[in-house]
Amino acid sequence: MAGLDKCLQYYVMKAKSGCGTRNTYIPTMPALTRCEIGSKFQGVWKKKEKSQNSQKRNSQVATMNGDNSFGIPQLCVRINTFHRIRSEMDVLEKRIITHLRNCESAHVEDFSNGLSKKFELTPSACVEGVQLLSEAVAYKIVFHDLSHVLWDGLYVGEPSSSRIDPLLQELERNLLVISETVHERVRTRIITDTMKASCDGFLLVLLAGGPSRAFSRQDSQIIEDDFKALKDLFWANGDGLPADLIDKFSSTVRGVLPLFRTDSESLIERFRRVTLETYGSSARSRLPLPPTSGQWNPTEPNTLLRVLCYRNDETASKFLKKTYNLPKKL
């Protein structure tokens, strides 16, 4: 039994290898810059960068998708397999024990008594496999397969003309594949992970989307409406994720979005205050550049700084120039 346990564990480990993780698919954050107000070249450079990013991303997608074993349907089948193995463990254990007890062997008692630990390795390996592959599927969908409508498309240029609808359409198509492929006992987990990845992607576009993006206060309503549409996709008129799960995993985005409708003067004052609270008296003479933690929060200095970096107005740009000498966006 121990030998079978090890064999099954080895199979699970092999099946989950090479599928990537959350960090495999999240793009590298670009350097911080500030908006160049009123530049007549701004639109030209944005279009050029979008074209270059799309070509680069499409090349990466073609290379990584060369092996069909790592497509979304195939990964969903692997998750089903892990779930099925885990579900059958109890049945298999009972059958083996019954068989050993019925066996005409002088050591049958020893066998029966020695089975108290049963399968130790395989069940936990299957649970871990489902967790890892579920997250990998979610982040692969959002940051890799849909990069052309998220990272290369959402809010590039004018936010009003590059909204979230193309992303929602592609997400819905992938969610349908998951719903039709994955066993119902693990389906909610994968869809939940996909929502978490989508929220991460949405925030990354807003706070680390690169020089092709800039937002005015007037864009805040567009952003809030688009995020509501994203949540509605996963709510699916009550047929999707439970409302409490959606509220739980959208809380970070909901906390950050009000910053985009706050005026730049108030943002700067808030940034000064939280930076002083974080770094103490050493920050009074010169505000330090807060490091990027990736743990976005409306009271975290780097989050506030990034909203200012993507704020398309003169007040924010002058502050970033004077305080940190950040370069202008192209």
C-alpha atoms as a PDB file:
ATOM      1  CA  MET A   1       0.000   0.000   0.000  1.00  0.00           C
ATOM      2  CA  ALA A   2       2.865   2.362   0.761  1.00  0.00           C
ATOM      3  CA  GLY A   3       4.316   1.601  -2.654  1.00  0.00           C
ATOM      4  CA  LEU A   4       1.031   2.439  -4.378  1.00  0.00           C
ATOM      5  CA  ASP A   5       0.777   5.610  -2.317  1.00  0.00           C
ATOM      6  CA  LYS A   6       4.214   6.742  -3.476  1.00  0.00           C
ATOM      7  CA  CYS A   7       3.439   5.866  -7.107  1.00  0.00           C
ATOM      8  CA  LEU A   8       0.243   7.905  -7.068  1.00  0.00           C
ATOM      9  CA  GLN A   9       2.002  10.817  -5.380  1.00  0.00           C
ATOM     10  CA  TYR A  10       4.693  10.721  -8.054  1.00  0.00           C
ATOM     11  CA  TYR A  11       2.026  10.781 -10.777  1.00  0.00           C
ATOM     12  CA  VAL A  12       0.354  13.834  -9.229  1.00  0.00           C
ATOM     13  CA  MET A  13       3.682  15.646  -8.906  1.00  0.00           C
ATOM     14  CA  LYS A  14       4.531  14.963 -12.546  1.00  0.00           C
ATOM     15  CA  ALA A  15       1.071  16.018 -13.724  1.00  0.00           C
ATOM     16  CA  LYS A  16       1.267  19.425 -12.033  1.00  0.00           C
ATOM     17  CA  SER A  17       4.859  20.182 -13.069  1.00  0.00           C
ATOM     18  CA  GLY A  18       5.490  22.660 -15.860  1.00  0.00           C
ATOM     19  CA  CYS A  19       2.051  24.261 -15.620  1.00  0.00           C
ATOM     20  CA  GLY A  20       3.306  27.507 -14.134  1.00  0.00           C
ATOM     21  CA  THR A  21       2.237  29.456 -11.063  1.00  0.00           C
ATOM     22  CA  ARG A  22       0.700  32.839 -10.330  1.00  0.00           C
ATOM     23  CA  ASN A  23       4.082  34.552 -10.636  1.00  0.00           C
ATOM     24  CA  THR A  24       4.786  32.841 -13.953  1.00  0.00           C
ATOM     25  CA  TYR A  25       2.113  34.867 -15.714  1.00  0.00           C
ATOM     26  CA  ILE A  26       2.068  38.270 -13.967  1.00  0.00           C
ATOM     27  CA  PRO A  27       4.057  40.780 -16.084  1.00  0.00           C
ATOM     28  CA  THR A  28       6.992  42.758 -14.737  1.00  0.00           C
ATOM     29  CA  MET A  29       6.007  46.177 -13.439  1.00  0.00           C
ATOM     30  CA  PRO A  30       7.361  49.052 -15.546  1.00  0.00           C
ATOM     31  CA  ALA A  31       9.400  51.906 -14.085  1.00  0.00           C
ATOM     32  CA  LEU A  32       7.503  54.775 -12.480  1.00  0.00           C
ATOM     33  CA  THR A  33       6.947  57.830 -14.668  1.00  0.00           C
ATOM     34  CA  ARG A  34       4.772  60.929 -14.622  1.00  0.00           C
ATOM     35  CA  CYS A  35       2.269  62.217 -17.140  1.00  0.00           C
ATOM     36  CA  GLU A  36       3.351  64.717 -19.767  1.00  0.00           C
ATOM     37  CA  ILE A  37       0.513  67.182 -19.892  1.00  0.00           C
ATOM     38  CA  GLY A  38      -0.641  68.467 -23.252  1.00  0.00           C
ATOM     39  CA  SER A  39       1.970  66.756 -25.418  1.00  0.00           C
ATOM     40  CA  LYS A  40       0.812  66.540 -29.027  1.00  0.00           C
ATOM     41  CA  PHE A  41       3.015  63.463 -29.456  1.00  0.00           C
ATOM     42  CA  GLN A  42       1.410  61.550 -26.613  1.00  0.00           C
ATOM     43  CA  GLY A  43      -1.211  59.777 -28.719  1.00  0.00           C
ATOM     44  CA  VAL A  44       1.333  58.749 -31.364  1.00  0.00           C
ATOM     45  CA  TRP A  45       3.658  57.167 -28.810  1.00  0.00           C
ATOM     46  CA  LYS A  46       0.797  55.397 -27.084  1.00  0.00           C
ATOM     47  CA  LYS A  47      -0.301  53.787 -30.349  1.00  0.00           C
ATOM     48  CA  LYS A  48       3.272  52.820 -31.176  1.00  0.00           C
ATOM     49  CA  GLU A  49       3.842  51.242 -27.759  1.00  0.00           C
ATOM     50  CA  LYS A  50       0.532  49.373 -27.946  1.00  0.00           C
ATOM     51  CA  SER A  51       1.507  47.915 -31.308  1.00  0.00           C
ATOM     52  CA  GLN A  52       4.947  46.871 -30.044  1.00  0.00           C
ATOM     53  CA  ASN A  53       3.536  45.351 -26.854  1.00  0.00           C
ATOM     54  CA  SER A  54       0.918  43.410 -28.809  1.00  0.00           C
ATOM     55  CA  GLN A  55       3.513  41.974 -31.179  1.00  0.00           C
ATOM     56  CA  LYS A  56       5.755  40.945 -28.295  1.00  0.00           C
ATOM     57  CA  ARG A  57       2.863  39.437 -26.343  1.00  0.00           C
ATOM     58  CA  ASN A  58       1.498  37.550 -29.351  1.00  0.00           C
ATOM     59  CA  SER A  59       4.946  36.073 -29.935  1.00  0.00           C
ATOM     60  CA  GLN A  60       5.088  34.883 -26.324  1.00  0.00           C
ATOM     61  CA  VAL A  61       1.591  33.404 -26.534  1.00  0.00           C
ATOM     62  CA  ALA A  62       2.430  31.502 -29.703  1.00  0.00           C
ATOM     63  CA  THR A  63       5.577  30.066 -28.113  1.00  0.00           C
ATOM     64  CA  MET A  64       3.957  29.032 -24.828  1.00  0.00           C
ATOM     65  CA  ASN A  65       0.861  27.580 -26.475  1.00  0.00           C
ATOM     66  CA  GLY A  66       2.891  25.348 -28.749  1.00  0.00           C
ATOM     67  CA  ASP A  67       2.341  22.449 -26.309  1.00  0.00           C
ATOM     68  CA  ASN A  68      -1.386  21.679 -26.273  1.00  0.00           C
ATOM     69  CA  SER A  69      -0.993  19.824 -22.976  1.00  0.00           C
ATOM     70  CA  PHE A  70      -0.961  23.220 -21.251  1.00  0.00           C
ATOM     71  CA  GLY A  71      -4.136  24.579 -22.848  1.00  0.00           C
ATOM     72  CA  ILE A  72      -7.001  25.528 -20.539  1.00  0.00           C
ATOM     73  CA  PRO A  73      -9.204  22.470 -21.367  1.00  0.00           C
ATOM     74  CA  GLN A  74      -6.242  20.133 -20.843  1.00  0.00           C
ATOM     75  CA  LEU A  75      -5.353  21.732 -17.504  1.00  0.00           C
ATOM     76  CA  CYS A  76      -8.987  21.460 -16.423  1.00  0.00           C
ATOM     77  CA  VAL A  77      -8.885  17.732 -17.221  1.00  0.00           C
ATOM     78  CA  ARG A  78      -5.824  17.382 -14.997  1.00  0.00           C
ATOM     79  CA  ILE A  79      -7.701  19.096 -12.174  1.00  0.00           C
ATOM     80  CA  ASN A  80     -10.574  16.654 -12.693  1.00  0.00           C
ATOM     81  CA  THR A  81      -8.100  13.778 -12.502  1.00  0.00           C
ATOM     82  CA  PHE A  82      -6.653  14.991  -9.192  1.00  0.00           C
ATOM     83  CA  HIS A  83     -10.150  15.405  -7.790  1.00  0.00           C
ATOM     84  CA  ARG A  84     -11.176  11.935  -8.962  1.00  0.00           C
ATOM     85  CA  ILE A  85      -8.098  10.274  -7.459  1.00  0.00           C
ATOM     86  CA  ARG A  86      -8.705  12.057  -4.154  1.00  0.00           C
ATOM     87  CA  SER A  87     -12.380  11.077  -4.183  1.00  0.00           C
ATOM     88  CA  GLU A  88     -11.594   7.425  -4.833  1.00  0.00           C
ATOM     89  CA  MET A  89      -8.970   7.077  -2.097  1.00  0.00           C
ATOM     90  CA  ASP A  90     -11.409   6.111   0.656  1.00  0.00           C
ATOM     91  CA  VAL A  91     -13.094   3.535  -1.564  1.00  0.00           C
ATOM     92  CA  LEU A  92      -9.755   2.068  -2.597  1.00  0.00           C
ATOM     93  CA  GLU A  93      -8.527   1.894   0.993  1.00  0.00           C
ATOM     94  CA  LYS A  94     -11.628  -0.019   2.096  1.00  0.00           C
ATOM     95  CA  ARG A  95     -11.327  -2.473  -0.791  1.00  0.00           C
ATOM     96  CA  ILE A  96      -7.662  -3.174  -0.059  1.00  0.00           C
ATOM     97  CA  ILE A  97      -8.301  -3.676   3.646  1.00  0.00           C
ATOM     98  CA  THR A  98     -11.206  -6.018   2.925  1.00  0.00           C
ATOM     99  CA  HIS A  99      -9.085  -7.976   0.480  1.00  0.00           C
ATOM    100  CA  LEU A 100      -6.236  -8.329   2.983  1.00  0.00           C
ATOM    101  CA  ARG A 101      -8.550  -9.454   5.757  1.00  0.00           C
ATOM    102  CA  ASN A 102      -9.972 -12.133   3.500  1.00  0.00           C
ATOM    103  CA  CYS A 103      -6.536 -13.242   2.431  1.00  0.00           C
ATOM    104  CA  GLU A 104      -5.457 -16.675   3.732  1.00  0.00           C
ATOM    105  CA  SER A 105      -2.199 -15.444   5.168  1.00  0.00           C
ATOM    106  CA  ALA A 106      -0.574 -15.979   8.511  1.00  0.00           C
ATOM    107  CA  HIS A 107       0.249 -12.282   8.601  1.00  0.00           C
ATOM    108  CA  VAL A 108      -3.195 -10.959   7.771  1.00  0.00           C
ATOM    109  CA  GLU A 109      -3.570  -9.552  11.280  1.00  0.00           C
ATOM    110  CA  ASP A 110      -0.315  -7.676  10.913  1.00  0.00           C
ATOM    111  CA  PHE A 111      -1.470  -6.290   7.572  1.00  0.00           C
ATOM    112  CA  SER A 112      -4.794  -5.096   8.980  1.00  0.00           C
ATOM    113  CA  ASN A 113      -3.214  -3.464  12.003  1.00  0.00           C
ATOM    114  CA  GLY A 114      -0.594  -1.793   9.875  1.00  0.00           C
ATOM    115  CA  LEU A 115      -3.140  -0.012   7.703  1.00  0.00           C
ATOM    116  CA  SER A 116      -4.195   2.520  10.312  1.00  0.00           C
ATOM    117  CA  LYS A 117      -2.301   5.280   8.527  1.00  0.00           C
ATOM    118  CA  LYS A 118      -3.721   4.300   5.145  1.00  0.00           C
ATOM    119  CA  PHE A 119      -2.807   6.524   2.189  1.00  0.00           C
ATOM    120  CA  GLU A 120      -0.764   9.411   3.556  1.00  0.00           C
ATOM    121  CA  LEU A 121       0.905  11.000   0.555  1.00  0.00           C
ATOM    122  CA  THR A 122      -1.593  10.874  -2.293  1.00  0.00           C
ATOM    123  CA  PRO A 123      -4.601  12.718  -0.769  1.00  0.00           C
ATOM    124  CA  SER A 124      -2.553  15.742   0.286  1.00  0.00           C
ATOM    125  CA  ALA A 125      -0.719  15.716  -3.063  1.00  0.00           C
ATOM    126  CA  CYS A 126      -4.072  15.755  -4.876  1.00  0.00           C
ATOM    127  CA  VAL A 127      -5.401  18.637  -2.768  1.00  0.00           C
ATOM    128  CA  GLU A 128      -2.220  20.596  -3.379  1.00  0.00           C
ATOM    129  CA  GLY A 129      -2.365  19.735  -7.084  1.00  0.00           C
ATOM    130  CA  VAL A 130      -5.911  21.078  -7.401  1.00  0.00           C
ATOM    131  CA  GLN A 131      -4.931  24.271  -5.562  1.00  0.00           C
ATOM    132  CA  LEU A 132      -1.831  24.917  -7.652  1.00  0.00           C
ATOM    133  CA  LEU A 133      -3.403  24.084 -11.002  1.00  0.00           C
ATOM    134  CA  SER A 134      -6.543  26.079 -10.206  1.00  0.00           C
ATOM    135  CA  GLU A 135      -4.477  29.194  -9.550  1.00  0.00           C
ATOM    136  CA  ALA A 136      -2.272  28.505 -12.579  1.00  0.00           C
ATOM    137  CA  VAL A 137      -5.330  28.179 -14.839  1.00  0.00           C
ATOM    138  CA  ALA A 138      -6.793  31.431 -13.511  1.00  0.00           C
ATOM    139  CA  TYR A 139      -3.654  33.516 -13.940  1.00  0.00           C
ATOM    140  CA  LYS A 140      -2.847  31.916 -17.283  1.00  0.00           C
ATOM    141  CA  ILE A 141      -6.275  32.916 -18.587  1.00  0.00           C
ATOM    142  CA  VAL A 142      -6.137  36.502 -17.328  1.00  0.00           C
ATOM    143  CA  PHE A 143      -2.492  37.462 -17.784  1.00  0.00           C
ATOM    144  CA  HIS A 144      -1.420  35.232 -20.669  1.00  0.00           C
ATOM    145  CA  ASP A 145      -4.300  34.129 -22.871  1.00  0.00           C
ATOM    146  CA  LEU A 146      -6.202  37.421 -22.478  1.00  0.00           C
ATOM    147  CA  SER A 147      -3.185  39.741 -22.336  1.00  0.00           C
ATOM    148  CA  HIS A 148      -4.176  41.267 -25.684  1.00  0.00           C
ATOM    149  CA  VAL A 149      -7.410  42.644 -24.183  1.00  0.00           C
ATOM    150  CA  LEU A 150      -6.101  43.284 -20.654  1.00  0.00           C
ATOM    151  CA  TRP A 151      -2.452  44.284 -20.555  1.00  0.00           C
ATOM    152  CA  ASP A 152      -2.225  45.458 -24.162  1.00  0.00           C
ATOM    153  CA  GLY A 153      -5.738  46.874 -24.519  1.00  0.00           C
ATOM    154  CA  LEU A 154      -7.599  47.995 -21.395  1.00  0.00           C
ATOM    155  CA  TYR A 155      -7.452  51.811 -20.974  1.00  0.00           C
ATOM    156  CA  VAL A 156      -4.596  52.212 -23.450  1.00  0.00           C
ATOM    157  CA  GLY A 157      -4.837  55.705 -24.947  1.00  0.00           C
ATOM    158  CA  GLU A 158      -8.196  57.210 -24.024  1.00  0.00           C
ATOM    159  CA  PRO A 159      -9.931  55.220 -21.228  1.00  0.00           C
ATOM    160  CA  SER A 160     -13.344  56.048 -22.682  1.00  0.00           C
ATOM    161  CA  SER A 161     -12.516  54.285 -25.973  1.00  0.00           C
ATOM    162  CA  SER A 162     -10.635  51.271 -24.563  1.00  0.00           C
ATOM    163  CA  ARG A 163     -12.991  49.957 -21.928  1.00  0.00           C
ATOM    164  CA  ILE A 164     -13.507  46.535 -20.375  1.00  0.00           C
ATOM    165  CA  ASP A 165     -16.069  44.967 -22.757  1.00  0.00           C
ATOM    166  CA  PRO A 166     -13.532  43.001 -24.879  1.00  0.00           C
ATOM    167  CA  LEU A 167     -12.023  41.536 -21.699  1.00  0.00           C
ATOM    168  CA  LEU A 168     -15.448  40.538 -20.370  1.00  0.00           C
ATOM    169  CA  GLN A 169     -16.325  38.771 -23.617  1.00  0.00           C
ATOM    170  CA  GLU A 170     -13.118  36.733 -23.568  1.00  0.00           C
ATOM    171  CA  LEU A 171     -13.467  35.979 -19.861  1.00  0.00           C
ATOM    172  CA  GLU A 172     -17.022  34.747 -20.359  1.00  0.00           C
ATOM    173  CA  ARG A 173     -15.876  32.391 -23.097  1.00  0.00           C
ATOM    174  CA  ASN A 174     -13.201  30.917 -20.818  1.00  0.00           C
ATOM    175  CA  LEU A 175     -15.593  30.617 -17.894  1.00  0.00           C
ATOM    176  CA  LEU A 176     -17.918  28.632 -20.147  1.00  0.00           C
ATOM    177  CA  VAL A 177     -15.070  26.222 -20.965  1.00  0.00           C
ATOM    178  CA  ILE A 178     -14.385  25.796 -17.238  1.00  0.00           C
ATOM    179  CA  SER A 179     -18.064  25.248 -16.443  1.00  0.00           C
ATOM    180  CA  GLU A 180     -18.407  22.587 -19.143  1.00  0.00           C
ATOM    181  CA  THR A 181     -15.146  20.810 -18.295  1.00  0.00           C
ATOM    182  CA  VAL A 182     -14.477  20.915 -14.569  1.00  0.00           C
ATOM    183  CA  HIS A 183     -16.233  18.729 -12.004  1.00  0.00           C
ATOM    184  CA  GLU A 184     -18.804  20.697 -10.031  1.00  0.00           C
ATOM    185  CA  ARG A 185     -17.039  19.974  -6.737  1.00  0.00           C
ATOM    186  CA  VAL A 186     -13.974  21.986  -7.800  1.00  0.00           C
ATOM    187  CA  ARG A 187     -15.582  24.346 -10.320  1.00  0.00           C
ATOM    188  CA  THR A 188     -16.285  27.117  -7.809  1.00  0.00           C
ATOM    189  CA  ARG A 189     -12.651  27.119  -6.730  1.00  0.00           C
ATOM    190  CA  ILE A 190     -11.347  27.704 -10.258  1.00  0.00           C
ATOM    191  CA  ILE A 191     -13.918  30.388 -11.030  1.00  0.00           C
ATOM    192  CA  THR A 192     -13.091  32.094  -7.716  1.00  0.00           C
ATOM    193  CA  ASP A 193      -9.383  32.008  -8.556  1.00  0.00           C
ATOM    194  CA  THR A 194     -10.219  33.469 -11.972  1.00  0.00           C
ATOM    195  CA  MET A 195     -12.067  36.334 -10.318  1.00  0.00           C
ATOM    196  CA  LYS A 196      -9.092  36.943  -7.994  1.00  0.00           C
ATOM    197  CA  ALA A 197      -6.781  36.993 -11.008  1.00  0.00           C
ATOM    198  CA  SER A 198      -9.132  39.358 -12.835  1.00  0.00           C
ATOM    199  CA  CYS A 199      -9.159  41.764  -9.879  1.00  0.00           C
ATOM    200  CA  ASP A 200      -5.369  41.587  -9.706  1.00  0.00           C
ATOM    201  CA  GLY A 201      -5.178  42.290 -13.428  1.00  0.00           C
ATOM    202  CA  PHE A 202      -7.588  45.197 -13.206  1.00  0.00           C
ATOM    203  CA  LEU A 203      -5.575  46.826 -10.410  1.00  0.00           C
ATOM    204  CA  LEU A 204      -2.279  46.166 -12.146  1.00  0.00           C
ATOM    205  CA  VAL A 205      -3.534  48.012 -15.230  1.00  0.00           C
ATOM    206  CA  LEU A 206      -4.562  50.975 -13.073  1.00  0.00           C
ATOM    207  CA  LEU A 207      -1.454  51.125 -10.884  1.00  0.00           C
ATOM    208  CA  ALA A 208       1.305  49.635 -13.041  1.00  0.00           C
ATOM    209  CA  GLY A 209       0.009  49.731 -16.601  1.00  0.00           C
ATOM    210  CA  GLY A 210       3.001  51.545 -18.056  1.00  0.00           C
ATOM    211  CA  PRO A 211       3.361  54.835 -19.932  1.00  0.00           C
ATOM    212  CA  SER A 212       0.558  54.058 -22.387  1.00  0.00           C
ATOM    213  CA  ARG A 213      -2.027  54.784 -19.679  1.00  0.00           C
ATOM    214  CA  ALA A 214      -3.098  58.005 -17.953  1.00  0.00           C
ATOM    215  CA  PHE A 215      -6.272  58.852 -16.028  1.00  0.00           C
ATOM    216  CA  SER A 216      -8.077  62.058 -15.197  1.00  0.00           C
ATOM    217  CA  ARG A 217     -10.525  62.438 -12.327  1.00  0.00           C
ATOM    218  CA  GLN A 218     -13.336  62.318 -14.869  1.00  0.00           C
ATOM    219  CA  ASP A 219     -12.258  58.792 -15.836  1.00  0.00           C
ATOM    220  CA  SER A 220     -13.043  57.516 -12.344  1.00  0.00           C
ATOM    221  CA  GLN A 221     -16.703  56.902 -13.201  1.00  0.00           C
ATOM    222  CA  ILE A 222     -15.707  54.845 -16.242  1.00  0.00           C
ATOM    223  CA  ILE A 223     -13.344  52.768 -14.093  1.00  0.00           C
ATOM    224  CA  GLU A 224     -15.973  52.185 -11.411  1.00  0.00           C
ATOM    225  CA  ASP A 225     -18.623  51.211 -13.958  1.00  0.00           C
ATOM    226  CA  ASP A 226     -16.218  48.801 -15.649  1.00  0.00           C
ATOM    227  CA  PHE A 227     -15.331  47.161 -12.355  1.00  0.00           C
ATOM    228  CA  LYS A 228     -19.009  46.724 -11.548  1.00  0.00           C
ATOM    229  CA  ALA A 229     -19.423  45.018 -14.923  1.00  0.00           C
ATOM    230  CA  LEU A 230     -16.510  42.702 -14.062  1.00  0.00           C
ATOM    231  CA  LYS A 231     -18.142  41.725 -10.767  1.00  0.00           C
ATOM    232  CA  ASP A 232     -21.494  41.253 -12.493  1.00  0.00           C
ATOM    233  CA  LEU A 233     -19.880  38.770 -14.873  1.00  0.00           C
ATOM    234  CA  PHE A 234     -18.938  36.531 -11.955  1.00  0.00           C
ATOM    235  CA  TRP A 235     -22.273  37.118 -10.216  1.00  0.00           C
ATOM    236  CA  ALA A 236     -24.106  36.016 -13.407  1.00  0.00           C
ATOM    237  CA  ASN A 237     -27.520  37.154 -12.155  1.00  0.00           C
ATOM    238  CA  GLY A 238     -27.219  34.872  -9.142  1.00  0.00           C
ATOM    239  CA  ASP A 239     -26.089  31.795 -11.064  1.00  0.00           C
ATOM    240  CA  GLY A 240     -22.372  32.459 -10.569  1.00  0.00           C
ATOM    241  CA  LEU A 241     -20.253  33.002  -7.487  1.00  0.00           C
ATOM    242  CA  PRO A 242     -21.926  33.770  -4.135  1.00  0.00           C
ATOM    243  CA  ALA A 243     -22.131  37.461  -3.300  1.00  0.00           C
ATOM    244  CA  ASP A 244     -19.994  37.059  -0.173  1.00  0.00           C
ATOM    245  CA  LEU A 245     -17.129  35.564  -2.203  1.00  0.00           C
ATOM    246  CA  ILE A 246     -17.330  38.386  -4.725  1.00  0.00           C
ATOM    247  CA  ASP A 247     -17.312  40.974  -1.937  1.00  0.00           C
ATOM    248  CA  LYS A 248     -14.366  39.266  -0.248  1.00  0.00           C
ATOM    249  CA  PHE A 249     -12.110  39.096  -3.276  1.00  0.00           C
ATOM    250  CA  SER A 250     -13.051  42.503  -4.677  1.00  0.00           C
ATOM    251  CA  SER A 251     -12.434  44.366  -1.413  1.00  0.00           C
ATOM    252  CA  THR A 252      -8.928  45.543  -2.377  1.00  0.00           C
ATOM    253  CA  VAL A 253     -10.116  47.031  -5.658  1.00  0.00           C
ATOM    254  CA  ARG A 254     -13.098  48.656  -3.962  1.00  0.00           C
ATOM    255  CA  GLY A 255     -10.751  50.234  -1.438  1.00  0.00           C
ATOM    256  CA  VAL A 256      -8.414  51.661  -4.091  1.00  0.00           C
ATOM    257  CA  LEU A 257     -10.958  52.953  -6.646  1.00  0.00           C
ATOM    258  CA  PRO A 258     -12.035  56.033  -4.623  1.00  0.00           C
ATOM    259  CA  LEU A 259      -8.464  57.350  -5.002  1.00  0.00           C
ATOM    260  CA  PHE A 260      -9.103  57.866  -8.722  1.00  0.00           C
ATOM    261  CA  ARG A 261     -11.892  60.366  -8.043  1.00  0.00           C
ATOM    262  CA  THR A 262      -9.921  62.224  -5.341  1.00  0.00           C
ATOM    263  CA  ASP A 263      -8.322  65.541  -6.394  1.00  0.00           C
ATOM    264  CA  SER A 264      -4.551  65.605  -6.787  1.00  0.00           C
ATOM    265  CA  GLU A 265      -3.949  68.098  -3.966  1.00  0.00           C
ATOM    266  CA  SER A 266      -5.697  65.798  -1.489  1.00  0.00           C
ATOM    267  CA  LEU A 267      -3.817  62.771  -2.818  1.00  0.00           C
ATOM    268  CA  ILE A 268      -0.487  64.544  -2.404  1.00  0.00           C
ATOM    269  CA  GLU A 269      -1.328  65.601   1.141  1.00  0.00           C
ATOM    270  CA  ARG A 270      -2.439  62.055   2.008  1.00  0.00           C
ATOM    271  CA  PHE A 271       0.727  60.652   0.463  1.00  0.00           C
ATOM    272  CA  ARG A 272       2.888  63.012   2.540  1.00  0.00           C
ATOM    273  CA  ARG A 273       1.053  62.077   5.710  1.00  0.00           C
ATOM    274  CA  VAL A 274       1.212  58.292   5.323  1.00  0.00           C
ATOM    275  CA  THR A 275       4.849  58.469   4.206  1.00  0.00           C
ATOM    276  CA  LEU A 276       5.767  60.427   7.330  1.00  0.00           C
ATOM    277  CA  GLU A 277       3.807  57.936   9.448  1.00  0.00           C
ATOM    278  CA  THR A 278       5.660  55.067   7.777  1.00  0.00           C
ATOM    279  CA  TYR A 279       9.207  56.464   7.805  1.00  0.00           C
ATOM    280  CA  GLY A 280       9.077  58.839  10.761  1.00  0.00           C
ATOM    281  CA  SER A 281      11.091  62.041  11.211  1.00  0.00           C
ATOM    282  CA  SER A 282      13.738  60.938   8.692  1.00  0.00           C
ATOM    283  CA  ALA A 283      11.207  61.639   5.919  1.00  0.00           C
ATOM    284  CA  ARG A 284      10.624  65.289   6.890  1.00  0.00           C
ATOM    285  CA  SER A 285      13.520  66.748   4.941  1.00  0.00           C
ATOM    286  CA  ARG A 286      13.048  64.576   1.870  1.00  0.00           C
ATOM    287  CA  LEU A 287      10.256  62.112   1.125  1.00  0.00           C
ATOM    288  CA  PRO A 288      11.735  58.661   0.396  1.00  0.00           C
ATOM    289  CA  LEU A 289      10.528  56.737  -2.644  1.00  0.00           C
ATOM    290  CA  PRO A 290       8.369  53.973  -1.157  1.00  0.00           C
ATOM    291  CA  PRO A 291       9.170  50.478  -2.452  1.00  0.00           C
ATOM    292  CA  THR A 292       6.633  48.450  -4.403  1.00  0.00           C
ATOM    293  CA  SER A 293       5.127  45.721  -2.266  1.00  0.00           C
ATOM    294  CA  GLY A 294       2.300  44.787  -4.596  1.00  0.00           C
ATOM    295  CA  GLN A 295       0.001  44.785  -1.568  1.00  0.00           C
ATOM    296  CA  TRP A 296      -2.232  47.580  -2.817  1.00  0.00           C
ATOM    297  CA  ASN A 297      -4.019  49.590  -0.154  1.00  0.00           C
ATOM    298  CA  PRO A 298      -5.480  53.142  -0.076  1.00  0.00           C
ATOM    299  CA  THR A 299      -3.359  53.900   3.005  1.00  0.00           C
ATOM    300  CA  GLU A 300      -0.120  52.446   1.594  1.00  0.00           C
ATOM    301  CA  PRO A 301       2.414  55.001   0.275  1.00  0.00           C
ATOM    302  CA  ASN A 302       3.330  53.186  -2.941  1.00  0.00           C
ATOM    303  CA  THR A 303      -0.320  52.777  -3.918  1.00  0.00           C
ATOM    304  CA  LEU A 304      -0.964  56.510  -3.466  1.00  0.00           C
ATOM    305  CA  LEU A 305       2.208  57.341  -5.378  1.00  0.00           C
ATOM    306  CA  ARG A 306       1.138  55.185  -8.313  1.00  0.00           C
ATOM    307  CA  VAL A 307      -2.244  56.870  -8.551  1.00  0.00           C
ATOM    308  CA  LEU A 308      -0.374  60.174  -8.787  1.00  0.00           C
ATOM    309  CA  CYS A 309       1.977  58.738 -11.430  1.00  0.00           C
ATOM    310  CA  TYR A 310      -1.013  57.897 -13.628  1.00  0.00           C
ATOM    311  CA  ARG A 311      -2.892  61.113 -12.850  1.00  0.00           C
ATOM    312  CA  ASN A 312      -3.218  63.163 -16.021  1.00  0.00           C
ATOM    313  CA  ASP A 313      -2.939  66.659 -14.569  1.00  0.00           C
ATOM    314  CA  GLU A 314      -0.298  69.307 -13.985  1.00  0.00           C
ATOM    315  CA  THR A 315      -0.454  69.288 -10.180  1.00  0.00           C
ATOM    316  CA  ALA A 316       0.506  65.612  -9.914  1.00  0.00           C
ATOM    317  CA  SER A 317       3.146  65.882 -12.626  1.00  0.00           C
ATOM    318  CA  LYS A 318       4.850  68.874 -10.979  1.00  0.00           C
ATOM    319  CA  PHE A 319       4.870  67.169  -7.574  1.00  0.00           C
ATOM    320  CA  LEU A 320       6.485  64.008  -8.999  1.00  0.00           C
ATOM    321  CA  LYS A 321       9.033  66.086 -10.902  1.00  0.00           C
ATOM    322  CA  LYS A 322       9.988  68.178  -7.865  1.00  0.00           C
ATOM    323  CA  THR A 323       9.954  65.362  -5.289  1.00  0.00           C
ATOM    324  CA  TYR A 324      11.444  62.419  -7.192  1.00  0.00           C
ATOM    325  CA  ASN A 325      12.476  63.821 -10.572  1.00  0.00           C
ATOM    326  CA  LEU A 326      10.484  61.079 -12.283  1.00  0.00           C
ATOM    327  CA  PRO A 327      10.766  61.072 -16.086  1.00  0.00           C
ATOM    328  CA  LYS A 328       7.797  61.924 -18.283  1.00  0.00           C
ATOM    329  CA  LYS A 329       5.766  59.259 -20.011  1.00  0.00           C
ATOM    330  CA  LEU A 330       6.431  58.983 -23.731  1.00  0.00           C
END
